[in-house]
Amino acid sequence: MADHRVRSGDIAEDQFTATLESHSSRLPTSLFLGAALCSILASLALKAAGKREDALYVGHWAAPFLLLGIYNKMVKQHGSDSSMRG
């Protein structure tokens, strides 16, 4: 049976991805955590104001903000592309 797993350094990222990661890595990871907390608080405020649909919409932003924070942290810890390392 053939092994089809991708190993670190097997496939290089393109320049577009490298550029995005270069710019996004300048943002502090706490910014994404703060954005997630703000979306939760805004959702609670909207819910208390009786705007249920708006509260759900804003509340759903928390997960993408947290995922962006994880991605940001991984780029900072592991670099943009391991195949470019010596």
Protein backbone atom coordinates (compact mmCIF):
# COMPACT_ATOMS: atom_id res chain seq x y z
CA MET A 1 0.00 0.00 0.00
CA ALA A 2 1.41 3.40 -1.01
CA ASP A 3 1.98 6.17 1.53
CA HIS A 4 0.20 9.36 0.34
CA ARG A 5 0.82 11.57 3.37
CA VAL A 6 2.24 15.02 2.81
CA ARG A 7 5.36 15.64 4.85
CA SER A 8 6.81 18.93 6.00
CA GLY A 9 8.64 20.57 3.10
CA ASP A 10 7.10 18.37 0.37
CA ILE A 11 4.96 21.14 -1.14
CA ALA A 12 5.89 24.82 -1.15
CA GLU A 13 3.38 27.61 -0.62
CA ASP A 14 2.90 30.25 -3.31
CA GLN A 15 3.93 33.89 -3.03
CA PHE A 16 0.35 35.08 -2.46
CA THR A 17 0.09 32.95 0.69
CA ALA A 18 3.53 34.06 1.84
CA THR A 19 2.54 37.72 1.38
CA LEU A 20 -0.70 37.29 3.34
CA GLU A 21 1.14 35.52 6.15
CA SER A 22 3.82 38.20 6.19
CA HIS A 23 1.24 40.92 6.74
CA SER A 24 -1.06 39.02 9.10
CA SER A 25 1.82 37.92 11.34
CA ARG A 26 2.39 41.57 12.26
CA LEU A 27 -0.95 41.60 14.09
CA PRO A 28 -0.88 40.57 17.74
CA THR A 29 -2.65 37.29 18.41
CA SER A 30 -4.52 38.95 21.30
CA LEU A 31 -6.30 41.12 18.71
CA PHE A 32 -8.21 38.07 17.45
CA LEU A 33 -9.08 36.96 20.99
CA GLY A 34 -10.32 40.48 21.74
CA ALA A 35 -12.40 40.50 18.57
CA ALA A 36 -13.98 37.17 19.54
CA LEU A 37 -14.81 38.43 23.04
CA CYS A 38 -16.25 41.66 21.60
CA SER A 39 -18.48 39.71 19.23
CA ILE A 40 -19.76 37.61 22.14
CA LEU A 41 -20.46 40.70 24.25
CA ALA A 42 -22.11 42.48 21.32
CA SER A 43 -24.23 39.41 20.71
CA LEU A 44 -25.36 39.40 24.34
CA ALA A 45 -26.20 43.11 24.15
CA LEU A 46 -28.19 42.62 20.97
CA LYS A 47 -30.03 39.68 22.51
CA ALA A 48 -30.88 41.79 25.57
CA ALA A 49 -32.15 44.53 23.24
CA GLY A 50 -34.52 42.03 21.64
CA LYS A 51 -32.69 41.83 18.32
CA ARG A 52 -32.44 38.05 18.14
CA GLU A 53 -31.44 37.72 14.48
CA ASP A 54 -28.70 40.36 14.79
CA ALA A 55 -27.46 38.70 17.98
CA LEU A 56 -27.11 35.35 16.22
CA TYR A 57 -25.34 36.95 13.27
CA VAL A 58 -22.78 38.78 15.41
CA GLY A 59 -22.38 35.82 17.77
CA HIS A 60 -21.27 33.60 14.90
CA TRP A 61 -18.23 35.82 14.34
CA ALA A 62 -16.47 34.51 17.47
CA ALA A 63 -15.40 31.17 15.96
CA PRO A 64 -13.81 32.64 12.80
CA PHE A 65 -11.94 35.22 14.90
CA LEU A 66 -10.57 32.45 17.12
CA LEU A 67 -9.56 30.38 14.09
CA LEU A 68 -7.76 33.36 12.59
CA GLY A 69 -5.96 33.80 15.91
CA ILE A 70 -4.83 30.17 15.85
CA TYR A 71 -3.63 30.54 12.26
CA ASN A 72 -1.80 33.75 13.19
CA LYS A 73 -0.10 32.04 16.13
CA MET A 74 0.94 29.04 14.01
CA VAL A 75 2.52 31.29 11.37
CA LYS A 76 4.47 33.08 14.09
CA GLN A 77 5.64 29.84 15.71
CA HIS A 78 6.34 27.71 12.64
CA GLY A 79 7.02 30.24 9.93
CA SER A 80 5.38 30.73 6.60
CA ASP A 81 6.70 27.66 4.81
CA SER A 82 8.88 24.93 6.28
CA SER A 83 10.25 23.93 2.86
CA MET A 84 12.07 27.28 2.64
CA ARG A 85 14.04 26.65 5.84
CA GLY A 86 17.64 25.56 5.75
